[in-house]
C-alpha atoms as a PDB file:
ATOM      1  CA  MET A   1     166.266 253.023 158.618  1.00  0.00           C
ATOM      2  CA  ARG A   2     165.737 255.840 156.060  1.00  0.00           C
ATOM      3  CA  ARG A   3     167.112 258.210 158.679  1.00  0.00           C
ATOM      4  CA  LEU A   4     170.416 256.322 158.857  1.00  0.00           C
ATOM      5  CA  ASP A   5     170.633 256.534 154.987  1.00  0.00           C
ATOM      6  CA  ARG A   6     170.581 260.395 155.206  1.00  0.00           C
ATOM      7  CA  LEU A   7     172.889 260.541 158.080  1.00  0.00           C
ATOM      8  CA  ALA A   8     175.381 258.473 156.213  1.00  0.00           C
ATOM      9  CA  TYR A   9     175.521 261.094 153.516  1.00  0.00           C
ATOM     10  CA  LEU A  10     176.654 263.589 156.264  1.00  0.00           C
ATOM     11  CA  ILE A  11     179.957 261.790 156.667  1.00  0.00           C
ATOM     12  CA  VAL A  12     180.714 261.003 152.999  1.00  0.00           C
ATOM     13  CA  ASP A  13     183.332 263.724 152.852  1.00  0.00           C
ATOM     14  CA  GLN A  14     184.985 262.282 156.057  1.00  0.00           C
ATOM     15  CA  PHE A  15     185.626 259.199 153.846  1.00  0.00           C
ATOM     16  CA  LEU A  16     188.767 260.928 152.519  1.00  0.00           C
ATOM     17  CA  CYS A  17     190.217 261.384 156.050  1.00  0.00           C
ATOM     18  CA  ALA A  18     189.180 257.994 156.995  1.00  0.00           C
ATOM     19  CA  ALA A  19     190.852 256.454 153.970  1.00  0.00           C
ATOM     20  CA  TRP A  20     193.982 258.177 154.880  1.00  0.00           C
ATOM     21  CA  ALA A  21     193.763 256.891 158.495  1.00  0.00           C
ATOM     22  CA  MET A  22     193.102 253.520 157.448  1.00  0.00           C
ATOM     23  CA  ALA A  23     196.454 253.343 155.434  1.00  0.00           C
ATOM     24  CA  HIS A  24     198.274 253.989 158.567  1.00  0.00           C
ATOM     25  CA  LEU A  25     196.316 251.581 160.769  1.00  0.00           C
ATOM     26  CA  GLY A  26     196.623 248.540 158.610  1.00  0.00           C
ATOM     27  CA  GLU A  27     193.169 248.810 157.111  1.00  0.00           C
ATOM     28  CA  ALA A  28     194.182 250.083 153.527  1.00  0.00           C
ATOM     29  CA  ARG A  29     191.713 247.787 151.636  1.00  0.00           C
ATOM     30  CA  ASP A  30     188.826 249.544 153.478  1.00  0.00           C
ATOM     31  CA  GLY A  31     190.518 252.911 152.769  1.00  0.00           C
ATOM     32  CA  ALA A  32     190.539 252.021 148.959  1.00  0.00           C
ATOM     33  CA  ARG A  33     186.917 250.986 149.381  1.00  0.00           C
ATOM     34  CA  LEU A  34     186.186 254.341 150.925  1.00  0.00           C
ATOM     35  CA  LEU A  35     187.715 256.300 148.309  1.00  0.00           C
ATOM     36  CA  GLY A  36     185.805 254.319 145.648  1.00  0.00           C
ATOM     37  CA  ALA A  37     182.633 255.047 147.699  1.00  0.00           C
ATOM     38  CA  TYR A  38     183.592 258.761 147.772  1.00  0.00           C
ATOM     39  CA  ASP A  39     184.317 259.118 144.203  1.00  0.00           C
ATOM     40  CA  SER A  40     181.036 257.306 143.214  1.00  0.00           C
ATOM     41  CA  THR A  41     178.820 259.133 145.621  1.00  0.00           C
ATOM     42  CA  SER A  42     180.334 262.522 144.998  1.00  0.00           C
ATOM     43  CA  ARG A  43     179.764 262.236 141.174  1.00  0.00           C
ATOM     44  CA  GLN A  44     176.053 261.708 141.480  1.00  0.00           C
ATOM     45  CA  PRO A  45     173.746 264.138 139.775  1.00  0.00           C
ATOM     46  CA  GLY A  46     173.981 267.251 141.809  1.00  0.00           C
ATOM     47  CA  GLY A  47     176.839 265.927 143.845  1.00  0.00           C
ATOM     48  CA  LEU A  48     176.805 266.183 147.582  1.00  0.00           C
ATOM     49  CA  GLY A  49     176.598 269.926 147.652  1.00  0.00           C
ATOM     50  CA  PHE A  50     178.626 270.063 150.989  1.00  0.00           C
ATOM     51  CA  ARG A  51     182.483 270.403 150.681  1.00  0.00           C
ATOM     52  CA  PRO A  52     184.048 270.753 154.105  1.00  0.00           C
ATOM     53  CA  PHE A  53     187.652 270.855 152.568  1.00  0.00           C
ATOM     54  CA  ALA A  54     188.596 273.971 150.575  1.00  0.00           C
ATOM     55  CA  ASP A  55     191.315 271.921 149.081  1.00  0.00           C
ATOM     56  CA  GLU A  56     189.285 268.845 148.445  1.00  0.00           C
ATOM     57  CA  LYS A  57     191.263 267.632 145.367  1.00  0.00           C
ATOM     58  CA  GLU A  58     194.518 267.740 147.280  1.00  0.00           C
ATOM     59  CA  VAL A  59     192.993 265.888 150.325  1.00  0.00           C
ATOM     60  CA  ARG A  60     191.645 263.243 147.990  1.00  0.00           C
ATOM     61  CA  GLN A  61     194.970 262.942 146.267  1.00  0.00           C
ATOM     62  CA  ARG A  62     196.813 262.575 149.498  1.00  0.00           C
ATOM     63  CA  ALA A  63     194.580 259.795 150.783  1.00  0.00           C
ATOM     64  CA  GLU A  64     194.973 257.874 147.591  1.00  0.00           C
ATOM     65  CA  THR A  65     198.759 258.251 147.759  1.00  0.00           C
ATOM     66  CA  GLU A  66     198.900 256.875 151.287  1.00  0.00           C
ATOM     67  CA  VAL A  67     196.473 253.883 150.426  1.00  0.00           C
ATOM     68  CA  ARG A  68     198.301 253.028 147.351  1.00  0.00           C
ATOM     69  CA  ALA A  69     201.721 253.149 149.215  1.00  0.00           C
ATOM     70  CA  VAL A  70     200.783 250.161 151.259  1.00  0.00           C
ATOM     71  CA  LEU A  71     198.499 248.089 148.816  1.00  0.00           C
ATOM     72  CA  PRO A  72     199.674 246.404 145.585  1.00  0.00           C
ATOM     73  CA  GLY A  73     198.206 247.979 142.505  1.00  0.00           C
ATOM     74  CA  GLU A  74     195.759 245.281 141.720  1.00  0.00           C
ATOM     75  CA  THR A  75     194.542 245.061 145.236  1.00  0.00           C
ATOM     76  CA  TYR A  76     193.886 248.735 145.291  1.00  0.00           C
ATOM     77  CA  GLU A  77     192.022 248.657 142.194  1.00  0.00           C
ATOM     78  CA  ARG A  78     189.696 245.780 143.167  1.00  0.00           C
ATOM     79  CA  ALA A  79     189.099 247.440 146.483  1.00  0.00           C
ATOM     80  CA  TYR A  80     188.264 250.703 144.936  1.00  0.00           C
ATOM     81  CA  ALA A  81     186.045 249.128 142.506  1.00  0.00           C
ATOM     82  CA  GLU A  82     184.128 247.430 145.348  1.00  0.00           C
ATOM     83  CA  GLY A  83     183.838 250.613 147.087  1.00  0.00           C
ATOM     84  CA  GLY A  84     182.284 252.140 144.099  1.00  0.00           C
ATOM     85  CA  GLY A  85     179.367 249.798 144.444  1.00  0.00           C
ATOM     86  CA  LEU A  86     178.740 250.519 148.095  1.00  0.00           C
ATOM     87  CA  SER A  87     175.988 252.775 149.291  1.00  0.00           C
ATOM     88  CA  ALA A  88     176.830 255.679 151.552  1.00  0.00           C
ATOM     89  CA  ARG A  89     175.510 253.793 154.496  1.00  0.00           C
ATOM     90  CA  GLU A  90     177.558 250.585 153.536  1.00  0.00           C
ATOM     91  CA  ALA A  91     180.733 252.583 153.211  1.00  0.00           C
ATOM     92  CA  ALA A  92     180.029 254.548 156.514  1.00  0.00           C
ATOM     93  CA  ALA A  93     179.803 251.180 158.226  1.00  0.00           C
ATOM     94  CA  LEU A  94     183.562 250.455 157.191  1.00  0.00           C
ATOM     95  CA  ILE A  95     184.646 253.456 159.424  1.00  0.00           C
END
């Protein structure tokens, strides 16, 4: 179980790509949850350290734009907040 938690952190940066894809696959609520999880996890003391995207801010903004385009504002905000309360493992399970 502990190993799974460590492995979940390896894909946190992929939450951005998954959120974008989910907006196009009819799973935008989970996309918003992933954005919330990404933001809360990457803001932890020390952050994640590993940043595979040189243009992370742009990738993050594009993912949010795509998700917001298909969700009403209130629905996005609620799902985003839910994602902020997920562990990396719980968020990874959404993918």
